[in-house]
């Protein structure tokens, strides 16, 4: 991650998002904005898993295809997927065809249903790990390590500390827009007015 850099429109943004219109739109409209919706949180957890070893731009550009392929990331629907669905997904050239990641997504849906049953909601669970503000250029933090470990103990896959922290950044659990980025104050305002989910 780099410092804030003015884009073609003169607005200073986090340096990582410049160079691709898809990134700029994602950065301005979504990244760092707090989310309490279980479906959206589950989707991002899955997509962060698919992103492992790839660029987020690759996943972002395939996101609509992923949504079509994975029933809009409705948790209960994905949890019902069986072997035929895995084979269908492996044959879908519009998404990332990685058996381990596909099977992890199906597994994680099942684990998410169990978590929701015992904890009340996925949102209430992950927001317990909201990190203490820190350097926006870090790649993980103690809270992400703890979230990763708890998810793994519950049977989730592809949820390492770096993945967990990227999830936290994108879903607004952390405001990691760099100093000088025009969206830092927007994210801060949204987080200040956000009702943290409980249970």
C-alpha atoms as a PDB file:
ATOM      1  CA  UNK A   1       0.000   0.000   0.000  1.00  0.00           C
ATOM      2  CA  UNK A   2       1.244   3.484  -0.777  1.00  0.00           C
ATOM      3  CA  UNK A   3       0.397   6.978   0.396  1.00  0.00           C
ATOM      4  CA  UNK A   4      -2.429   9.118  -0.961  1.00  0.00           C
ATOM      5  CA  UNK A   5      -1.948  10.060  -4.599  1.00  0.00           C
ATOM      6  CA  UNK A   6      -4.150  12.421  -6.650  1.00  0.00           C
ATOM      7  CA  UNK A   7      -6.071  10.613  -9.373  1.00  0.00           C
ATOM      8  CA  UNK A   8      -6.946  12.002 -12.818  1.00  0.00           C
ATOM      9  CA  UNK A   9      -9.864  13.813 -11.187  1.00  0.00           C
ATOM     10  CA  UNK A  10      -7.513  15.449  -8.677  1.00  0.00           C
ATOM     11  CA  UNK A  11      -8.960  13.555  -5.693  1.00  0.00           C
ATOM     12  CA  UNK A  12      -6.253  12.026  -3.453  1.00  0.00           C
ATOM     13  CA  UNK A  13      -6.770   8.318  -2.876  1.00  0.00           C
ATOM     14  CA  UNK A  14      -4.919   5.311  -1.514  1.00  0.00           C
ATOM     15  CA  UNK A  15      -2.215   4.571  -4.049  1.00  0.00           C
ATOM     16  CA  UNK A  16      -3.182   0.904  -4.427  1.00  0.00           C
ATOM     17  CA  UNK A  17      -6.449   1.722  -6.181  1.00  0.00           C
ATOM     18  CA  UNK A  18      -5.127   3.949  -8.940  1.00  0.00           C
ATOM     19  CA  UNK A  19      -4.533   2.653 -12.446  1.00  0.00           C
ATOM     20  CA  UNK A  20      -7.790   0.711 -12.845  1.00  0.00           C
ATOM     21  CA  UNK A  21     -11.294   2.175 -12.925  1.00  0.00           C
ATOM     22  CA  UNK A  22     -12.635  -0.995 -11.265  1.00  0.00           C
ATOM     23  CA  UNK A  23     -10.342  -0.444  -8.306  1.00  0.00           C
ATOM     24  CA  UNK A  24     -11.198   3.254  -7.988  1.00  0.00           C
ATOM     25  CA  UNK A  25     -14.933   2.530  -7.909  1.00  0.00           C
ATOM     26  CA  UNK A  26     -14.446  -0.276  -5.364  1.00  0.00           C
ATOM     27  CA  UNK A  27     -12.209   1.941  -3.226  1.00  0.00           C
ATOM     28  CA  UNK A  28     -14.609   4.889  -3.316  1.00  0.00           C
ATOM     29  CA  UNK A  29     -17.885   3.002  -2.865  1.00  0.00           C
ATOM     30  CA  UNK A  30     -17.108  -0.062  -0.746  1.00  0.00           C
ATOM     31  CA  UNK A  31     -13.651  -0.507   0.756  1.00  0.00           C
ATOM     32  CA  UNK A  32     -13.571   0.423   4.419  1.00  0.00           C
ATOM     33  CA  UNK A  33     -17.306   1.027   4.731  1.00  0.00           C
ATOM     34  CA  UNK A  34     -18.772  -0.910   7.690  1.00  0.00           C
ATOM     35  CA  UNK A  35     -20.961  -3.912   6.851  1.00  0.00           C
ATOM     36  CA  UNK A  36     -23.355  -5.799   9.142  1.00  0.00           C
ATOM     37  CA  UNK A  37     -25.115  -7.980   6.562  1.00  0.00           C
ATOM     38  CA  UNK A  38     -24.351 -11.696   6.956  1.00  0.00           C
ATOM     39  CA  UNK A  39     -24.662 -12.456   3.242  1.00  0.00           C
ATOM     40  CA  UNK A  40     -22.232  -9.721   2.254  1.00  0.00           C
ATOM     41  CA  UNK A  41     -19.790 -10.728   4.967  1.00  0.00           C
ATOM     42  CA  UNK A  42     -19.945 -14.361   3.867  1.00  0.00           C
ATOM     43  CA  UNK A  43     -19.440 -13.377   0.235  1.00  0.00           C
ATOM     44  CA  UNK A  44     -16.354 -11.340   1.092  1.00  0.00           C
ATOM     45  CA  UNK A  45     -14.927 -14.106   3.247  1.00  0.00           C
ATOM     46  CA  UNK A  46     -15.312 -16.511   0.308  1.00  0.00           C
ATOM     47  CA  UNK A  47     -13.885 -14.095  -2.237  1.00  0.00           C
ATOM     48  CA  UNK A  48     -10.906 -13.316  -0.032  1.00  0.00           C
ATOM     49  CA  UNK A  49     -10.260 -17.052   0.030  1.00  0.00           C
ATOM     50  CA  UNK A  50     -10.446 -17.215  -3.756  1.00  0.00           C
ATOM     51  CA  UNK A  51      -8.098 -14.231  -3.945  1.00  0.00           C
ATOM     52  CA  UNK A  52      -5.335 -16.119  -2.112  1.00  0.00           C
ATOM     53  CA  UNK A  53      -2.355 -16.212  -4.478  1.00  0.00           C
ATOM     54  CA  UNK A  54      -4.068 -13.933  -6.996  1.00  0.00           C
ATOM     55  CA  UNK A  55      -4.700 -10.203  -7.317  1.00  0.00           C
ATOM     56  CA  UNK A  56      -7.881  -8.733  -5.868  1.00  0.00           C
ATOM     57  CA  UNK A  57      -8.464  -7.074  -9.246  1.00  0.00           C
ATOM     58  CA  UNK A  58      -8.838 -10.530 -10.808  1.00  0.00           C
ATOM     59  CA  UNK A  59     -11.496 -11.486  -8.263  1.00  0.00           C
ATOM     60  CA  UNK A  60     -13.232  -8.114  -8.407  1.00  0.00           C
ATOM     61  CA  UNK A  61     -13.661  -8.397 -12.168  1.00  0.00           C
ATOM     62  CA  UNK A  62     -15.124 -11.884 -11.741  1.00  0.00           C
ATOM     63  CA  UNK A  63     -17.333 -10.968  -8.785  1.00  0.00           C
ATOM     64  CA  UNK A  64     -20.608 -10.881 -10.729  1.00  0.00           C
ATOM     65  CA  UNK A  65     -19.793 -14.276 -12.212  1.00  0.00           C
ATOM     66  CA  UNK A  66     -19.022 -15.622  -8.735  1.00  0.00           C
ATOM     67  CA  UNK A  67     -22.368 -14.301  -7.502  1.00  0.00           C
ATOM     68  CA  UNK A  68     -24.220 -16.050 -10.336  1.00  0.00           C
ATOM     69  CA  UNK A  69     -22.290 -19.281  -9.795  1.00  0.00           C
ATOM     70  CA  UNK A  70     -22.690 -19.319  -5.989  1.00  0.00           C
ATOM     71  CA  UNK A  71     -26.409 -18.501  -5.670  1.00  0.00           C
ATOM     72  CA  UNK A  72     -25.710 -14.897  -4.733  1.00  0.00           C
ATOM     73  CA  UNK A  73     -23.690 -16.207  -1.769  1.00  0.00           C
ATOM     74  CA  UNK A  74     -26.865 -16.975   0.138  1.00  0.00           C
ATOM     75  CA  UNK A  75     -25.374 -18.968   2.980  1.00  0.00           C
ATOM     76  CA  UNK A  76     -28.086 -21.606   3.278  1.00  0.00           C
ATOM     77  CA  UNK A  77     -28.117 -22.197  -0.486  1.00  0.00           C
ATOM     78  CA  UNK A  78     -24.356 -22.689  -0.728  1.00  0.00           C
ATOM     79  CA  UNK A  79     -24.402 -24.959   2.332  1.00  0.00           C
ATOM     80  CA  UNK A  80     -26.674 -27.333   0.399  1.00  0.00           C
ATOM     81  CA  UNK A  81     -24.192 -27.725  -2.475  1.00  0.00           C
ATOM     82  CA  UNK A  82     -23.062 -31.273  -3.172  1.00  0.00           C
ATOM     83  CA  UNK A  83     -20.574 -32.997  -5.444  1.00  0.00           C
ATOM     84  CA  UNK A  84     -22.559 -32.140  -8.591  1.00  0.00           C
ATOM     85  CA  UNK A  85     -22.415 -28.452  -7.712  1.00  0.00           C
ATOM     86  CA  UNK A  86     -18.661 -28.633  -7.166  1.00  0.00           C
ATOM     87  CA  UNK A  87     -18.237 -30.218 -10.589  1.00  0.00           C
ATOM     88  CA  UNK A  88     -20.498 -27.557 -12.119  1.00  0.00           C
ATOM     89  CA  UNK A  89     -18.344 -24.828 -10.580  1.00  0.00           C
ATOM     90  CA  UNK A  90     -15.134 -26.496 -11.749  1.00  0.00           C
ATOM     91  CA  UNK A  91     -16.530 -26.289 -15.278  1.00  0.00           C
ATOM     92  CA  UNK A  92     -17.395 -22.581 -15.028  1.00  0.00           C
ATOM     93  CA  UNK A  93     -14.661 -20.651 -16.838  1.00  0.00           C
ATOM     94  CA  UNK A  94     -16.051 -17.321 -15.612  1.00  0.00           C
ATOM     95  CA  UNK A  95     -14.817 -17.959 -12.052  1.00  0.00           C
ATOM     96  CA  UNK A  96     -11.585 -19.224 -10.496  1.00  0.00           C
ATOM     97  CA  UNK A  97     -11.695 -22.994 -10.962  1.00  0.00           C
ATOM     98  CA  UNK A  98      -9.767 -24.216  -7.944  1.00  0.00           C
ATOM     99  CA  UNK A  99     -11.235 -27.296  -6.318  1.00  0.00           C
ATOM    100  CA  UNK A 100      -9.819 -26.574  -2.886  1.00  0.00           C
ATOM    101  CA  UNK A 101     -11.204 -23.032  -2.819  1.00  0.00           C
ATOM    102  CA  UNK A 102     -14.595 -24.095  -4.185  1.00  0.00           C
ATOM    103  CA  UNK A 103     -14.902 -26.860  -1.612  1.00  0.00           C
ATOM    104  CA  UNK A 104     -13.759 -24.438   1.100  1.00  0.00           C
ATOM    105  CA  UNK A 105     -16.543 -22.033   0.162  1.00  0.00           C
ATOM    106  CA  UNK A 106     -19.163 -24.793   0.444  1.00  0.00           C
ATOM    107  CA  UNK A 107     -17.658 -25.975   3.716  1.00  0.00           C
ATOM    108  CA  UNK A 108     -17.549 -22.431   5.071  1.00  0.00           C
ATOM    109  CA  UNK A 109     -21.233 -21.965   4.305  1.00  0.00           C
ATOM    110  CA  UNK A 110     -22.012 -24.994   6.453  1.00  0.00           C
ATOM    111  CA  UNK A 111     -19.779 -23.707   9.229  1.00  0.00           C
ATOM    112  CA  UNK A 112     -21.364 -20.252   8.947  1.00  0.00           C
ATOM    113  CA  UNK A 113     -24.822 -21.737   9.471  1.00  0.00           C
ATOM    114  CA  UNK A 114     -23.610 -23.454  12.629  1.00  0.00           C
ATOM    115  CA  UNK A 115     -21.942 -20.259  13.813  1.00  0.00           C
ATOM    116  CA  UNK A 116     -25.125 -18.241  13.226  1.00  0.00           C
ATOM    117  CA  UNK A 117     -27.132 -20.830  15.156  1.00  0.00           C
ATOM    118  CA  UNK A 118     -24.792 -20.678  18.161  1.00  0.00           C
ATOM    119  CA  UNK A 119     -23.688 -17.023  18.049  1.00  0.00           C
ATOM    120  CA  UNK A 120     -26.745 -15.260  16.609  1.00  0.00           C
ATOM    121  CA  UNK A 121     -25.185 -13.832  13.457  1.00  0.00           C
ATOM    122  CA  UNK A 122     -21.999 -13.870  11.440  1.00  0.00           C
ATOM    123  CA  UNK A 123     -21.872 -10.088  11.746  1.00  0.00           C
ATOM    124  CA  UNK A 124     -22.081 -10.074  15.522  1.00  0.00           C
ATOM    125  CA  UNK A 125     -19.334 -12.678  15.661  1.00  0.00           C
ATOM    126  CA  UNK A 126     -16.787 -10.996  13.368  1.00  0.00           C
ATOM    127  CA  UNK A 127     -17.347  -7.512  14.805  1.00  0.00           C
ATOM    128  CA  UNK A 128     -16.187  -8.801  18.195  1.00  0.00           C
ATOM    129  CA  UNK A 129     -12.738  -8.778  16.620  1.00  0.00           C
ATOM    130  CA  UNK A 130     -12.792  -5.146  15.471  1.00  0.00           C
ATOM    131  CA  UNK A 131      -9.108  -4.194  15.545  1.00  0.00           C
ATOM    132  CA  UNK A 132      -7.529  -1.383  17.487  1.00  0.00           C
ATOM    133  CA  UNK A 133      -6.632   1.407  15.008  1.00  0.00           C
ATOM    134  CA  UNK A 134      -3.095   1.051  13.706  1.00  0.00           C
ATOM    135  CA  UNK A 135      -0.783   1.538  10.765  1.00  0.00           C
ATOM    136  CA  UNK A 136      -2.865   1.332   7.552  1.00  0.00           C
ATOM    137  CA  UNK A 137       0.104  -0.283   5.822  1.00  0.00           C
ATOM    138  CA  UNK A 138       0.156  -3.344   8.094  1.00  0.00           C
ATOM    139  CA  UNK A 139      -0.849  -6.698   6.604  1.00  0.00           C
ATOM    140  CA  UNK A 140      -2.344  -8.217   9.735  1.00  0.00           C
ATOM    141  CA  UNK A 141      -2.945  -7.470  13.413  1.00  0.00           C
ATOM    142  CA  UNK A 142      -3.519  -9.405  16.661  1.00  0.00           C
ATOM    143  CA  UNK A 143      -7.296  -9.276  16.219  1.00  0.00           C
ATOM    144  CA  UNK A 144      -7.042 -10.747  12.712  1.00  0.00           C
ATOM    145  CA  UNK A 145      -4.833 -13.528  14.053  1.00  0.00           C
ATOM    146  CA  UNK A 146      -7.440 -14.204  16.746  1.00  0.00           C
ATOM    147  CA  UNK A 147     -10.354 -14.140  14.260  1.00  0.00           C
ATOM    148  CA  UNK A 148      -8.474 -16.464  11.929  1.00  0.00           C
ATOM    149  CA  UNK A 149      -7.749 -18.880  14.742  1.00  0.00           C
ATOM    150  CA  UNK A 150     -11.341 -18.892  15.961  1.00  0.00           C
ATOM    151  CA  UNK A 151     -12.711 -19.465  12.458  1.00  0.00           C
ATOM    152  CA  UNK A 152     -10.253 -22.310  11.899  1.00  0.00           C
ATOM    153  CA  UNK A 153     -11.255 -23.924  15.186  1.00  0.00           C
ATOM    154  CA  UNK A 154     -14.830 -23.808  13.954  1.00  0.00           C
ATOM    155  CA  UNK A 155     -13.859 -25.624  10.752  1.00  0.00           C
ATOM    156  CA  UNK A 156     -13.513 -22.727   8.301  1.00  0.00           C
ATOM    157  CA  UNK A 157     -10.864 -22.976   5.574  1.00  0.00           C
ATOM    158  CA  UNK A 158      -8.785 -20.431   3.635  1.00  0.00           C
ATOM    159  CA  UNK A 159      -9.080 -17.965   6.503  1.00  0.00           C
ATOM    160  CA  UNK A 160      -5.461 -17.254   7.462  1.00  0.00           C
ATOM    161  CA  UNK A 161      -4.492 -14.069   9.351  1.00  0.00           C
ATOM    162  CA  UNK A 162      -3.649 -12.091   6.200  1.00  0.00           C
ATOM    163  CA  UNK A 163      -6.953 -13.105   4.601  1.00  0.00           C
ATOM    164  CA  UNK A 164      -8.799 -12.249   7.814  1.00  0.00           C
ATOM    165  CA  UNK A 165      -7.209  -8.823   7.941  1.00  0.00           C
ATOM    166  CA  UNK A 166      -7.961  -8.059   4.281  1.00  0.00           C
ATOM    167  CA  UNK A 167     -11.562  -9.017   5.094  1.00  0.00           C
ATOM    168  CA  UNK A 168     -11.548  -6.618   8.062  1.00  0.00           C
ATOM    169  CA  UNK A 169     -10.199  -3.768   5.935  1.00  0.00           C
ATOM    170  CA  UNK A 170     -12.724  -4.219   3.176  1.00  0.00           C
ATOM    171  CA  UNK A 171     -15.742  -4.700   5.453  1.00  0.00           C
ATOM    172  CA  UNK A 172     -14.985  -1.587   7.491  1.00  0.00           C
ATOM    173  CA  UNK A 173     -13.852  -3.253  10.695  1.00  0.00           C
ATOM    174  CA  UNK A 174     -10.726  -1.166  10.154  1.00  0.00           C
ATOM    175  CA  UNK A 175     -10.375   2.214   8.473  1.00  0.00           C
ATOM    176  CA  UNK A 176      -7.142   1.714   6.573  1.00  0.00           C
ATOM    177  CA  UNK A 177      -7.497   4.503   4.054  1.00  0.00           C
ATOM    178  CA  UNK A 178      -4.129   6.224   4.323  1.00  0.00           C
ATOM    179  CA  UNK A 179      -3.696   9.733   5.714  1.00  0.00           C
ATOM    180  CA  UNK A 180      -4.548  12.222   3.000  1.00  0.00           C
ATOM    181  CA  UNK A 181      -6.968   9.895   1.197  1.00  0.00           C
ATOM    182  CA  UNK A 182     -10.274  11.677   0.595  1.00  0.00           C
ATOM    183  CA  UNK A 183     -12.157   8.535   1.626  1.00  0.00           C
ATOM    184  CA  UNK A 184     -10.529   8.237   5.042  1.00  0.00           C
ATOM    185  CA  UNK A 185     -12.910  10.764   6.581  1.00  0.00           C
ATOM    186  CA  UNK A 186     -15.882   9.206   4.755  1.00  0.00           C
ATOM    187  CA  UNK A 187     -15.052   5.803   6.232  1.00  0.00           C
ATOM    188  CA  UNK A 188     -14.467   7.364   9.655  1.00  0.00           C
ATOM    189  CA  UNK A 189     -17.874   9.047   9.549  1.00  0.00           C
ATOM    190  CA  UNK A 190     -19.613   5.858   8.478  1.00  0.00           C
ATOM    191  CA  UNK A 191     -17.901   3.903  11.246  1.00  0.00           C
ATOM    192  CA  UNK A 192     -18.807   6.562  13.837  1.00  0.00           C
ATOM    193  CA  UNK A 193     -22.501   6.285  12.885  1.00  0.00           C
ATOM    194  CA  UNK A 194     -22.465   2.507  12.544  1.00  0.00           C
ATOM    195  CA  UNK A 195     -24.308   0.378  15.093  1.00  0.00           C
ATOM    196  CA  UNK A 196     -22.049  -2.544  15.873  1.00  0.00           C
ATOM    197  CA  UNK A 197     -24.041  -5.788  15.553  1.00  0.00           C
ATOM    198  CA  UNK A 198     -24.487  -7.847  18.691  1.00  0.00           C
ATOM    199  CA  UNK A 199     -25.178 -11.554  18.408  1.00  0.00           C
END
